[in-house]
Amino acid sequence: MTTALEIDATRRHRAGLRVQRPAQPMVPSIEQLLVEGGDGRIALDAAGGVNKYGCPPVPDAGLIALGSSTASVISGPAFAAAERLRYRLVQAAAVEPQAVTYARELQRIRGELLQLCGVADLSGLEVVFGASGTDLHLIAGQLLGGSKSLPGLAVMVDAVETGSCVPAALAGRHFSDRAALGETVSVGAAIASGPAMEVVSVALRDDDGTPRPADSIDAEVTALVASAAAEGRRVLLSLVDVSKTGMIAPSPACALELRRRWPETVEVLVDACQFRIAPATLRAYLQHGFMVALTGSKFVTGPTFSGAILFPAPLARRFRGRLLPRALAAYSVRADWPQHWAAAGALANSANLGLLLRWQAALEELRAFRAVPQAAVSAFLQNFGRAIRHRLAQDPLLEPLSVPQLERGLQMVEQGWDQLQTIFPFVMYRPDGRAAPRAMNREETQRIYRLLQDDLSAQPEVTHGYSGCTLAAARYQLGQPVACGRRNGVPVSALRICASARLIVEAATGGGDRTARVLSRVTAALDKAALLV
């Protein structure tokens, strides 16, 4: 792989200039940096060279990325953007401390992120960076705090729909054996002395995978918050927009009402880590006084592990003087926080270059997406949904998991592309002789998920003639299986096929023919799933 430094050296040589060989840089390779600055989930498997989500640290042009609800392999343009930034880091290493460079570059990214989100004009808006969405929940829980006599309460939707590590993070416990900055920690151990925040969860789906009525979810959340408020406890309410299977819960109207009733007790964290929200929706959440967690690694398709919490001015003023446990130094460095926050002063003045480069890559994708007209985004998503629903309806072995219409009810928000479904979960069935097809269990679904990413053209039991061979050879990355109840007593999971910013940009920059080609790859992924079943 040719690096930016090598390219520069070649250009100088061709121009007849003396090639300046820099001293051995104190900056690791880009491949190494992209898997640093995160917990154990980002580490590469020694055998396969991929992380827990099946992604290598370099582009894989042969893999068709349709799993942005979990993670996406870094694209060529995003990798190049990260490499250009690394080149600047190498140059700066000769003249200034790494922490200085990191703080300046991260401040630049902070500003560009707000610009691309359409909220840079909101006065007093502050940004705190974190390695992952889970880290963001840890930070939010620590900022809310509590007391020894009255520990706080965190109310969230079930972890199946958000992340298995989120409850531990909200409770202030280490959720991996490696913290974001590389320190070895004990899973489940509290990061600070004193009582941990209590965490309760609310189910979004019934045991058969059917979505629960929104009114029932809201009523359960309201009862939990009301009980805690009556006891004088502080409450952190996590509103997911959207969940792993594409739901919003509790309703924004419910969260607004709870904040109105108990303004000094309830804080709302909008878990928008999927980043499937339009700028107008994000602005509305912030204007209502909610903090919003985003990541660049889901819909935006940046490399795994890049998070940020946006704090509206009232919350920023409330939290900026809050002191946090020293153990948070295993997760954050000073420049990740606004300089005038007390939390920043207690952290090491060092750098998380992996986080920096992953955000740089994510912004490369987000910048391209923001250049697509909103009408074109909506048109593609409508065609995307129509193609998937039509294909699933044709196959009795592929059953779509019901996803409610996305309703937010936020004031000041016009109908936009984020009202359209972008995550399409489905359960698979396998033929069972003369009996009705039976649901594939979770282990079988996991195996299909892995096989979809492999070239199976050399396996005769999979291929059936030329068309079967061609289909088996294609490699598809879908969203990891999500547990969704039982079918006839069988515990099942749903695979997810997802729209992403990268797919939309690809379709929008090539005209009608390009859109058709993108959609043909989407339906072909379902064809291969059916073939494997």
Protein backbone atom coordinates (compact mmCIF):
# COMPACT_ATOMS: atom_id res chain seq x y z
CA MET A 1 0.00 0.00 0.00
CA THR A 2 1.44 3.40 -1.02
CA THR A 3 1.43 5.97 1.77
CA ALA A 4 1.04 9.71 1.50
CA LEU A 5 4.69 10.11 2.51
CA GLU A 6 5.83 7.84 -0.32
CA ILE A 7 3.66 9.68 -2.83
CA ASP A 8 5.14 13.01 -1.70
CA ALA A 9 8.68 11.61 -1.98
CA THR A 10 8.00 10.38 -5.52
CA ARG A 11 6.64 13.76 -6.59
CA ARG A 12 9.66 15.59 -5.19
CA HIS A 13 12.04 13.17 -6.92
CA ARG A 14 10.33 13.65 -10.31
CA ALA A 15 10.52 17.42 -9.85
CA GLY A 16 14.27 17.20 -9.30
CA LEU A 17 14.00 18.24 -5.68
CA ARG A 18 15.87 16.71 -2.79
CA VAL A 19 13.74 14.06 -1.13
CA GLN A 20 13.48 14.89 2.55
CA ARG A 21 13.29 11.76 4.63
CA PRO A 22 11.59 12.56 7.91
CA ALA A 23 12.85 11.06 11.11
CA GLN A 24 11.07 7.92 12.24
CA PRO A 25 7.61 9.32 13.05
CA MET A 26 6.06 8.86 16.46
CA VAL A 27 2.82 8.01 14.70
CA PRO A 28 1.74 4.39 14.07
CA SER A 29 0.53 3.20 10.69
CA ILE A 30 -2.99 4.08 9.64
CA GLU A 31 -3.99 0.42 9.82
CA GLN A 32 -2.85 0.31 13.43
CA LEU A 33 -4.42 3.63 14.40
CA LEU A 34 -7.84 2.67 13.05
CA VAL A 35 -8.04 -0.17 15.58
CA GLU A 36 -6.63 1.78 18.54
CA GLY A 37 -8.39 4.03 21.01
CA GLY A 38 -11.35 1.71 21.58
CA ASP A 39 -12.27 -1.21 23.82
CA GLY A 40 -11.84 -4.92 23.13
CA ARG A 41 -14.55 -4.95 20.46
CA ILE A 42 -12.34 -3.03 18.05
CA ALA A 43 -9.37 -5.39 18.35
CA LEU A 44 -8.60 -7.53 15.32
CA ASP A 45 -9.04 -11.28 15.39
CA ALA A 46 -5.63 -12.85 14.94
CA ALA A 47 -6.91 -15.40 12.44
CA GLY A 48 -9.25 -13.35 10.27
CA GLY A 49 -7.83 -9.83 10.68
CA VAL A 50 -11.26 -8.37 11.41
CA ASN A 51 -12.86 -6.87 14.52
CA LYS A 52 -15.89 -8.18 16.39
CA TYR A 53 -18.16 -6.70 13.72
CA GLY A 54 -16.37 -8.44 10.86
CA CYS A 55 -14.56 -5.33 9.59
CA PRO A 56 -10.88 -5.06 8.65
CA PRO A 57 -9.04 -1.73 9.05
CA VAL A 58 -8.60 -1.33 5.27
CA PRO A 59 -11.11 -1.09 2.41
CA ASP A 60 -12.56 -4.30 1.01
CA ALA A 61 -13.88 -3.42 -2.44
CA GLY A 62 -15.33 -6.90 -2.96
CA LEU A 63 -17.63 -6.76 0.07
CA ILE A 64 -21.09 -5.27 -0.55
CA ALA A 65 -21.85 -3.30 2.61
CA LEU A 66 -25.53 -3.48 3.59
CA GLY A 67 -25.13 -3.82 7.35
CA SER A 68 -24.76 -0.23 8.53
CA SER A 69 -26.99 -0.88 11.55
CA THR A 70 -23.98 -2.78 12.94
CA ALA A 71 -20.86 -1.53 11.15
CA SER A 72 -19.38 -1.01 7.70
CA VAL A 73 -15.98 -1.67 6.21
CA ILE A 74 -14.15 1.62 5.64
CA SER A 75 -14.47 2.95 2.08
CA GLY A 76 -11.61 3.95 -0.19
CA PRO A 77 -12.33 7.72 0.00
CA ALA A 78 -12.70 7.59 3.79
CA PHE A 79 -9.45 5.64 4.13
CA ALA A 80 -7.67 8.21 1.95
CA ALA A 81 -9.05 11.07 4.08
CA ALA A 82 -7.78 9.40 7.24
CA GLU A 83 -4.39 8.79 5.61
CA ARG A 84 -4.11 12.48 4.68
CA LEU A 85 -4.76 13.42 8.28
CA ARG A 86 -2.18 10.93 9.48
CA TYR A 87 0.34 12.56 7.13
CA ARG A 88 -0.35 15.91 8.82
CA LEU A 89 0.14 14.26 12.20
CA VAL A 90 3.53 12.94 11.09
CA GLN A 91 4.56 16.41 9.91
CA ALA A 92 3.37 18.06 13.11
CA ALA A 93 5.20 15.53 15.29
CA ALA A 94 8.48 17.20 14.37
CA VAL A 95 7.45 20.62 15.69
CA GLU A 96 4.94 20.24 18.52
CA PRO A 97 3.70 17.81 21.18
CA GLN A 98 1.20 15.26 19.96
CA ALA A 99 -1.43 16.44 22.45
CA VAL A 100 -1.33 19.94 20.94
CA THR A 101 -1.88 18.60 17.44
CA TYR A 102 -4.66 16.33 18.64
CA ALA A 103 -6.50 19.15 20.41
CA ARG A 104 -6.32 21.41 17.35
CA GLU A 105 -7.43 18.72 14.89
CA LEU A 106 -10.24 17.52 17.14
CA GLN A 107 -11.48 21.08 17.56
CA ARG A 108 -11.59 21.35 13.77
CA ILE A 109 -13.60 18.14 13.59
CA ARG A 110 -15.90 19.44 16.35
CA GLY A 111 -16.68 22.50 14.26
CA GLU A 112 -17.16 20.61 11.01
CA LEU A 113 -19.42 18.04 12.65
CA LEU A 114 -21.72 20.80 13.92
CA GLN A 115 -21.72 22.46 10.49
CA LEU A 116 -22.59 19.21 8.71
CA CYS A 117 -25.33 18.56 11.27
CA GLY A 118 -26.84 21.98 10.60
CA VAL A 119 -26.65 23.10 14.23
CA ALA A 120 -23.48 25.21 14.35
CA ASP A 121 -25.58 28.35 14.85
CA LEU A 122 -27.12 27.12 18.14
CA SER A 123 -25.56 29.30 20.81
CA GLY A 124 -23.76 27.53 23.65
CA LEU A 125 -23.87 24.08 22.04
CA GLU A 126 -21.02 21.87 23.32
CA VAL A 127 -19.56 18.55 22.09
CA VAL A 128 -17.89 15.76 24.08
CA PHE A 129 -16.24 12.98 22.09
CA GLY A 130 -16.15 9.33 23.08
CA ALA A 131 -14.76 6.19 21.52
CA SER A 132 -18.13 4.49 21.01
CA GLY A 133 -21.83 4.79 21.67
CA THR A 134 -21.32 2.70 24.79
CA ASP A 135 -18.67 5.15 26.04
CA LEU A 136 -21.16 7.97 25.46
CA HIS A 137 -23.68 6.27 27.74
CA LEU A 138 -20.97 5.87 30.37
CA ILE A 139 -20.20 9.60 30.16
CA ALA A 140 -23.87 10.61 30.33
CA GLY A 141 -24.49 8.41 33.36
CA GLN A 142 -21.49 9.87 35.20
CA LEU A 143 -22.56 13.43 34.42
CA LEU A 144 -26.06 12.84 35.78
CA GLY A 145 -24.69 11.45 39.02
CA GLY A 146 -26.72 10.87 42.15
CA SER A 147 -26.09 10.70 45.88
CA LYS A 148 -25.03 8.00 48.31
CA SER A 149 -28.50 7.92 49.82
CA LEU A 150 -30.38 8.29 46.52
CA PRO A 151 -28.56 6.77 43.56
CA GLY A 152 -29.81 7.85 40.18
CA LEU A 153 -32.07 5.79 37.93
CA ALA A 154 -31.44 5.18 34.24
CA VAL A 155 -34.45 4.14 32.17
CA MET A 156 -33.66 2.61 28.78
CA VAL A 157 -35.17 0.28 26.21
CA ASP A 158 -34.00 -3.32 26.30
CA ALA A 159 -30.33 -3.81 25.48
CA VAL A 160 -31.18 -6.06 22.52
CA GLU A 161 -32.32 -2.92 20.71
CA THR A 162 -29.41 -0.67 21.77
CA GLY A 163 -26.30 -2.60 22.79
CA SER A 164 -25.43 -5.38 25.20
CA CYS A 165 -22.87 -3.22 27.03
CA VAL A 166 -25.12 -0.17 27.51
CA PRO A 167 -26.67 -1.20 30.87
CA ALA A 168 -23.22 -1.68 32.43
CA ALA A 169 -22.04 1.64 31.01
CA LEU A 170 -25.04 3.53 32.40
CA ALA A 171 -24.50 1.87 35.76
CA GLY A 172 -20.92 3.16 35.79
CA ARG A 173 -19.27 -0.23 35.35
CA HIS A 174 -16.47 -1.36 33.07
CA PHE A 175 -18.13 -3.10 30.13
CA SER A 176 -15.02 -4.58 28.45
CA ASP A 177 -11.73 -5.96 29.69
CA ARG A 178 -9.98 -3.12 27.86
CA ALA A 179 -10.93 0.54 28.27
CA ALA A 180 -10.85 2.93 25.32
CA LEU A 181 -7.31 4.14 25.99
CA GLY A 182 -5.90 0.62 26.34
CA GLU A 183 -5.97 0.13 30.09
CA THR A 184 -6.81 -3.37 31.28
CA VAL A 185 -9.90 -3.29 33.51
CA SER A 186 -12.24 -5.79 35.19
CA VAL A 187 -15.53 -6.31 33.40
CA GLY A 188 -18.43 -5.42 35.69
CA ALA A 189 -16.32 -3.55 38.24
CA ALA A 190 -17.52 -0.09 39.24
CA ILE A 191 -15.41 2.77 37.90
CA ALA A 192 -16.00 4.77 41.09
CA SER A 193 -16.77 4.11 44.74
CA GLY A 194 -20.29 4.54 46.05
CA PRO A 195 -23.63 3.17 44.90
CA ALA A 196 -24.00 2.55 41.19
CA MET A 197 -26.82 4.06 39.20
CA GLU A 198 -29.76 1.68 38.96
CA VAL A 199 -30.65 0.69 35.40
CA VAL A 200 -34.08 -0.57 34.32
CA SER A 201 -35.14 -1.48 30.80
CA VAL A 202 -38.41 -1.57 28.91
CA ALA A 203 -39.14 -4.14 26.20
CA LEU A 204 -39.97 -2.86 22.71
CA ARG A 205 -41.28 -6.14 21.32
CA ASP A 206 -43.45 -8.98 22.60
CA ASP A 207 -42.12 -12.52 22.85
CA ASP A 208 -43.12 -13.27 19.26
CA GLY A 209 -41.21 -10.23 17.96
CA THR A 210 -44.29 -8.07 17.42
CA PRO A 211 -43.70 -4.40 18.30
CA ARG A 212 -45.43 -3.39 21.52
CA PRO A 213 -47.92 -0.51 21.17
CA ALA A 214 -46.23 2.85 21.64
CA ASP A 215 -48.78 3.80 24.30
CA SER A 216 -47.86 0.74 26.36
CA ILE A 217 -44.16 1.52 26.17
CA ASP A 218 -44.77 5.15 27.14
CA ALA A 219 -46.99 4.14 30.05
CA GLU A 220 -44.35 1.79 31.44
CA VAL A 221 -41.63 4.43 31.11
CA THR A 222 -43.84 7.05 32.76
CA ALA A 223 -44.57 4.79 35.71
CA LEU A 224 -40.87 4.11 36.28
CA VAL A 225 -39.94 7.80 36.09
CA ALA A 226 -42.84 8.90 38.29
CA SER A 227 -41.91 6.39 40.97
CA ALA A 228 -38.27 7.55 40.99
CA ALA A 229 -39.26 11.22 41.02
CA ALA A 230 -41.54 10.61 43.99
CA GLU A 231 -38.52 9.24 45.85
CA GLY A 232 -36.47 12.31 44.97
CA ARG A 233 -34.11 10.42 42.67
CA ARG A 234 -32.51 11.89 39.57
CA VAL A 235 -33.48 10.14 36.34
CA LEU A 236 -31.64 9.70 33.07
CA LEU A 237 -34.14 8.71 30.37
CA SER A 238 -32.64 7.21 27.22
CA LEU A 239 -34.80 7.77 24.13
CA VAL A 240 -33.60 5.59 21.26
CA ASP A 241 -33.95 7.07 17.75
CA VAL A 242 -33.65 4.61 16.08
CA SER A 243 -33.08 1.15 17.59
CA LYS A 244 -31.29 -1.82 16.04
CA THR A 245 -34.53 -2.98 14.43
CA GLY A 246 -35.63 0.51 13.42
CA MET A 247 -37.90 1.69 16.25
CA ILE A 248 -38.21 4.95 18.20
CA ALA A 249 -39.01 4.61 21.91
CA PRO A 250 -40.22 6.00 24.17
CA SER A 251 -42.04 8.57 22.08
CA PRO A 252 -40.52 12.06 22.03
CA ALA A 253 -43.89 13.33 23.26
CA CYS A 254 -43.57 11.11 26.34
CA ALA A 255 -40.02 12.35 27.01
CA LEU A 256 -41.12 15.98 26.64
CA GLU A 257 -43.99 15.48 29.07
CA LEU A 258 -41.74 13.84 31.65
CA ARG A 259 -39.28 16.73 31.38
CA ARG A 260 -42.15 19.21 31.77
CA ARG A 261 -43.45 17.49 34.91
CA TRP A 262 -40.04 17.05 36.56
CA PRO A 263 -37.63 19.59 35.01
CA GLU A 264 -35.15 19.37 37.91
CA THR A 265 -35.23 15.59 38.09
CA VAL A 266 -35.33 14.18 34.55
CA GLU A 267 -32.65 14.51 31.88
CA VAL A 268 -33.11 12.99 28.43
CA LEU A 269 -30.35 11.37 26.39
CA VAL A 270 -31.41 10.80 22.79
CA ASP A 271 -29.61 7.66 21.68
CA ALA A 272 -29.27 8.57 18.00
CA CYS A 273 -26.10 6.50 17.67
CA GLN A 274 -27.46 5.04 14.45
CA PHE A 275 -27.34 8.66 13.11
CA ARG A 276 -30.53 8.04 11.12
CA ILE A 277 -31.88 11.51 11.79
CA ALA A 278 -32.02 14.59 9.58
CA PRO A 279 -30.59 17.96 10.70
CA ALA A 280 -34.06 19.35 11.44
CA THR A 281 -34.79 16.47 13.83
CA LEU A 282 -31.43 16.85 15.58
CA ARG A 283 -32.01 20.59 15.95
CA ALA A 284 -35.46 20.02 17.44
CA TYR A 285 -34.12 17.59 20.05
CA LEU A 286 -31.43 20.07 21.08
CA GLN A 287 -33.87 22.97 21.22
CA HIS A 288 -36.07 20.91 23.53
CA GLY A 289 -33.12 20.59 25.90
CA PHE A 290 -32.17 16.97 25.19
CA MET A 291 -28.57 15.80 24.87
CA VAL A 292 -27.99 13.73 21.72
CA ALA A 293 -25.52 10.87 21.23
CA LEU A 294 -24.25 10.25 17.70
CA THR A 295 -21.74 7.91 16.11
CA GLY A 296 -20.10 8.10 12.71
CA SER A 297 -19.95 4.34 12.26
CA LYS A 298 -23.55 3.32 11.57
CA PHE A 299 -25.69 5.09 8.92
CA VAL A 300 -22.77 7.38 8.04
CA THR A 301 -20.55 4.26 7.45
CA GLY A 302 -17.36 5.56 9.01
CA PRO A 303 -15.08 2.94 10.60
CA THR A 304 -16.18 1.37 13.87
CA PHE A 305 -15.83 3.43 17.06
CA SER A 306 -16.42 7.19 16.77
CA GLY A 307 -18.88 8.87 19.12
CA ALA A 308 -19.96 12.35 20.22
CA ILE A 309 -22.56 13.79 22.59
CA LEU A 310 -24.10 17.16 21.76
CA PHE A 311 -25.15 19.21 24.79
CA PRO A 312 -27.56 22.14 24.36
CA ALA A 313 -26.58 25.32 26.19
CA PRO A 314 -28.69 24.79 29.36
CA LEU A 315 -27.23 21.34 29.93
CA ALA A 316 -23.72 22.48 29.07
CA ARG A 317 -23.96 25.17 31.76
CA ARG A 318 -25.23 22.62 34.26
CA PHE A 319 -22.59 20.00 33.56
CA ARG A 320 -19.46 22.07 32.90
CA GLY A 321 -18.59 22.27 36.58
CA ARG A 322 -19.24 18.59 37.27
CA LEU A 323 -16.25 16.61 38.55
CA LEU A 324 -16.06 13.02 37.39
CA PRO A 325 -14.37 9.87 38.73
CA ARG A 326 -10.65 9.59 38.10
CA ALA A 327 -11.25 6.23 36.44
CA LEU A 328 -12.83 8.07 33.52
CA ALA A 329 -9.24 8.84 32.50
CA ALA A 330 -9.18 5.32 31.06
CA TYR A 331 -11.82 6.42 28.54
CA SER A 332 -11.22 10.12 27.78
CA VAL A 333 -8.42 12.61 27.29
CA ARG A 334 -8.58 16.34 27.94
CA ALA A 335 -9.22 17.49 24.37
CA ASP A 336 -12.26 15.20 24.05
CA TRP A 337 -14.07 17.70 26.29
CA PRO A 338 -14.67 21.44 26.00
CA GLN A 339 -11.65 23.15 27.56
CA HIS A 340 -13.63 25.04 30.23
CA TRP A 341 -15.34 21.94 31.64
CA ALA A 342 -14.09 20.76 35.02
CA ALA A 343 -13.99 17.17 33.75
CA ALA A 344 -11.37 18.11 31.16
CA GLY A 345 -8.96 19.44 33.77
CA ALA A 346 -8.85 16.10 35.56
CA LEU A 347 -7.90 14.15 32.44
CA ALA A 348 -4.52 13.47 30.87
CA ASN A 349 -3.33 15.92 28.24
CA SER A 350 -2.70 13.17 25.72
CA ALA A 351 -4.21 11.98 22.43
CA ASN A 352 -6.54 9.32 21.05
CA LEU A 353 -5.36 9.34 17.46
CA GLY A 354 -7.54 6.38 16.52
CA LEU A 355 -10.67 8.28 17.49
CA LEU A 356 -9.44 11.31 15.57
CA LEU A 357 -8.81 9.40 12.34
CA ARG A 358 -12.08 7.48 12.56
CA TRP A 359 -14.03 10.74 12.87
CA GLN A 360 -12.06 12.17 9.95
CA ALA A 361 -13.13 9.16 7.86
CA ALA A 362 -16.74 9.48 9.02
CA LEU A 363 -16.88 13.18 8.11
CA GLU A 364 -15.66 12.33 4.62
CA GLU A 365 -18.77 10.15 4.21
CA LEU A 366 -21.08 12.64 5.91
CA ARG A 367 -19.83 15.52 3.75
CA ALA A 368 -20.66 13.58 0.59
CA PHE A 369 -24.09 12.64 1.94
CA ARG A 370 -24.99 16.23 2.84
CA ALA A 371 -24.30 17.22 -0.78
CA VAL A 372 -27.18 15.00 -1.98
CA PRO A 373 -30.49 16.92 -2.29
CA GLN A 374 -33.00 15.85 0.34
CA ALA A 375 -35.58 15.04 -2.34
CA ALA A 376 -33.11 12.60 -3.90
CA VAL A 377 -32.44 11.01 -0.52
CA SER A 378 -36.15 10.47 0.08
CA ALA A 379 -36.69 9.12 -3.43
CA PHE A 380 -33.88 6.57 -3.05
CA LEU A 381 -35.13 5.41 0.36
CA GLN A 382 -38.63 4.95 -0.99
CA ASN A 383 -37.28 2.84 -3.86
CA PHE A 384 -35.00 0.96 -1.45
CA GLY A 385 -37.90 0.05 0.82
CA ARG A 386 -40.16 -0.85 -2.07
CA ALA A 387 -37.54 -3.21 -3.56
CA ILE A 388 -36.92 -5.00 -0.25
CA ARG A 389 -40.59 -5.39 0.64
CA HIS A 390 -41.34 -6.77 -2.83
CA ARG A 391 -38.49 -9.29 -2.62
CA LEU A 392 -39.42 -10.45 0.88
CA ALA A 393 -43.07 -10.84 -0.11
CA GLN A 394 -42.03 -13.27 -2.87
CA ASP A 395 -40.29 -15.73 -0.57
CA PRO A 396 -42.06 -17.75 2.16
CA LEU A 397 -38.65 -18.51 3.70
CA LEU A 398 -37.91 -14.83 4.43
CA GLU A 399 -40.29 -13.13 6.85
CA PRO A 400 -40.04 -9.36 7.41
CA LEU A 401 -40.01 -8.30 11.05
CA SER A 402 -42.64 -5.63 11.62
CA VAL A 403 -41.29 -2.10 12.10
CA PRO A 404 -43.73 0.66 13.15
CA GLN A 405 -44.04 3.86 11.17
CA LEU A 406 -41.43 6.34 12.41
CA GLU A 407 -43.34 9.00 14.33
CA ARG A 408 -41.65 11.68 16.42
CA GLY A 409 -44.25 14.38 16.81
CA LEU A 410 -41.58 17.02 17.38
CA GLN A 411 -42.58 20.61 16.78
CA MET A 412 -40.68 22.63 14.19
CA VAL A 413 -39.79 19.51 12.19
CA GLU A 414 -41.07 19.16 8.64
CA GLN A 415 -41.51 15.78 7.01
CA GLY A 416 -38.03 14.60 5.96
CA TRP A 417 -36.14 11.54 4.81
CA ASP A 418 -35.72 10.32 8.40
CA GLN A 419 -39.43 9.50 8.53
CA LEU A 420 -38.72 6.65 6.12
CA GLN A 421 -37.64 3.16 7.17
CA THR A 422 -33.93 2.47 6.61
CA ILE A 423 -33.46 -0.78 8.59
CA PHE A 424 -35.26 -3.89 7.32
CA PRO A 425 -35.02 -6.86 9.70
CA PHE A 426 -36.15 -10.30 8.58
CA VAL A 427 -36.38 -13.80 10.05
CA MET A 428 -35.48 -16.87 7.98
CA TYR A 429 -37.28 -20.20 7.73
CA ARG A 430 -36.04 -23.47 6.31
CA PRO A 431 -38.06 -26.14 4.49
CA ASP A 432 -38.98 -29.12 6.66
CA GLY A 433 -40.14 -31.84 4.27
CA ARG A 434 -43.93 -31.99 4.06
CA ALA A 435 -44.41 -29.89 7.18
CA ALA A 436 -44.55 -26.12 7.24
CA PRO A 437 -41.17 -24.35 7.13
CA ARG A 438 -39.64 -23.93 10.56
CA ALA A 439 -37.92 -20.83 11.88
CA MET A 440 -34.15 -20.93 11.87
CA ASN A 441 -32.74 -20.69 15.38
CA ARG A 442 -30.18 -18.11 16.46
CA GLU A 443 -27.16 -20.31 15.80
CA GLU A 444 -28.36 -21.11 12.28
CA THR A 445 -29.05 -17.45 11.59
CA GLN A 446 -25.58 -16.51 12.81
CA ARG A 447 -24.10 -19.06 10.41
CA ILE A 448 -26.05 -17.60 7.47
CA TYR A 449 -24.82 -14.13 8.48
CA ARG A 450 -21.20 -15.31 8.29
CA LEU A 451 -21.65 -17.28 5.06
CA LEU A 452 -23.17 -14.28 3.30
CA GLN A 453 -19.74 -12.63 3.57
CA ASP A 454 -17.92 -15.54 1.93
CA ASP A 455 -17.29 -16.47 -1.69
CA LEU A 456 -19.03 -19.86 -1.85
CA SER A 457 -18.73 -20.42 -5.58
CA ALA A 458 -16.44 -23.41 -5.09
CA GLN A 459 -18.97 -25.25 -2.95
CA PRO A 460 -21.20 -27.43 -5.15
CA GLU A 461 -23.84 -27.88 -2.44
CA VAL A 462 -24.49 -24.13 -2.67
CA THR A 463 -24.21 -23.46 -6.39
CA HIS A 464 -26.81 -24.47 -8.96
CA GLY A 465 -25.59 -23.80 -12.47
CA TYR A 466 -24.06 -20.54 -13.68
CA SER A 467 -26.53 -18.21 -11.96
CA GLY A 468 -26.15 -20.00 -8.65
CA CYS A 469 -22.37 -19.87 -8.93
CA THR A 470 -22.45 -16.13 -9.64
CA LEU A 471 -24.76 -15.50 -6.71
CA ALA A 472 -22.74 -17.66 -4.34
CA ALA A 473 -19.55 -15.80 -5.24
CA ALA A 474 -20.90 -12.38 -4.25
CA ARG A 475 -20.05 -11.28 -0.70
CA TYR A 476 -22.60 -9.35 1.37
CA GLN A 477 -22.29 -7.77 4.80
CA LEU A 478 -25.67 -7.44 6.55
CA GLY A 479 -26.48 -6.20 10.02
CA GLN A 480 -25.62 -8.75 12.71
CA PRO A 481 -28.51 -10.94 13.94
CA VAL A 482 -30.71 -9.35 16.61
CA ALA A 483 -32.70 -11.54 19.00
CA CYS A 484 -36.42 -11.06 18.38
CA GLY A 485 -38.32 -13.55 20.50
CA ARG A 486 -39.55 -17.01 19.53
CA ARG A 487 -41.38 -18.75 16.72
CA ASN A 488 -43.16 -21.94 17.80
CA GLY A 489 -40.88 -22.11 20.80
CA VAL A 490 -37.69 -21.60 18.77
CA PRO A 491 -35.54 -18.61 19.87
CA VAL A 492 -34.93 -16.60 16.70
CA SER A 493 -32.88 -13.67 15.48
CA ALA A 494 -33.40 -11.25 12.61
CA LEU A 495 -30.81 -10.28 10.04
CA ARG A 496 -30.95 -6.65 8.90
CA ILE A 497 -30.48 -5.15 5.47
CA CYS A 498 -29.85 -1.43 5.74
CA ALA A 499 -29.74 1.76 3.75
CA SER A 500 -26.75 3.99 4.44
CA ALA A 501 -25.33 7.37 3.53
CA ARG A 502 -22.74 5.66 1.33
CA LEU A 503 -25.37 3.75 -0.67
CA ILE A 504 -27.40 6.91 -1.15
CA VAL A 505 -24.38 8.85 -2.39
CA GLU A 506 -23.50 6.06 -4.81
CA ALA A 507 -27.02 5.98 -6.21
CA ALA A 508 -27.38 9.76 -6.39
CA THR A 509 -24.14 10.37 -8.27
CA GLY A 510 -24.81 7.99 -11.14
CA GLY A 511 -28.33 8.70 -12.38
CA GLY A 512 -31.17 6.23 -12.80
CA ASP A 513 -28.97 3.40 -14.02
CA ARG A 514 -26.76 3.66 -10.93
CA THR A 515 -29.79 3.53 -8.65
CA ALA A 516 -31.01 0.40 -10.42
CA ARG A 517 -27.62 -1.26 -9.99
CA VAL A 518 -27.54 -0.43 -6.28
CA LEU A 519 -31.02 -1.85 -5.78
CA SER A 520 -30.14 -4.98 -7.74
CA ARG A 521 -27.30 -5.65 -5.31
CA VAL A 522 -29.70 -5.18 -2.40
CA THR A 523 -32.19 -7.74 -3.69
CA ALA A 524 -29.36 -10.08 -4.68
CA ALA A 525 -28.27 -10.16 -1.04
CA LEU A 526 -31.71 -11.50 -0.17
CA ASP A 527 -31.42 -13.96 -3.06
CA LYS A 528 -28.21 -15.32 -1.56
CA ALA A 529 -29.79 -15.55 1.88
CA ALA A 530 -32.63 -17.58 0.40
CA LEU A 531 -30.12 -19.75 -1.49
CA LEU A 532 -28.24 -20.48 1.73
CA VAL A 533 -31.47 -21.32 3.54
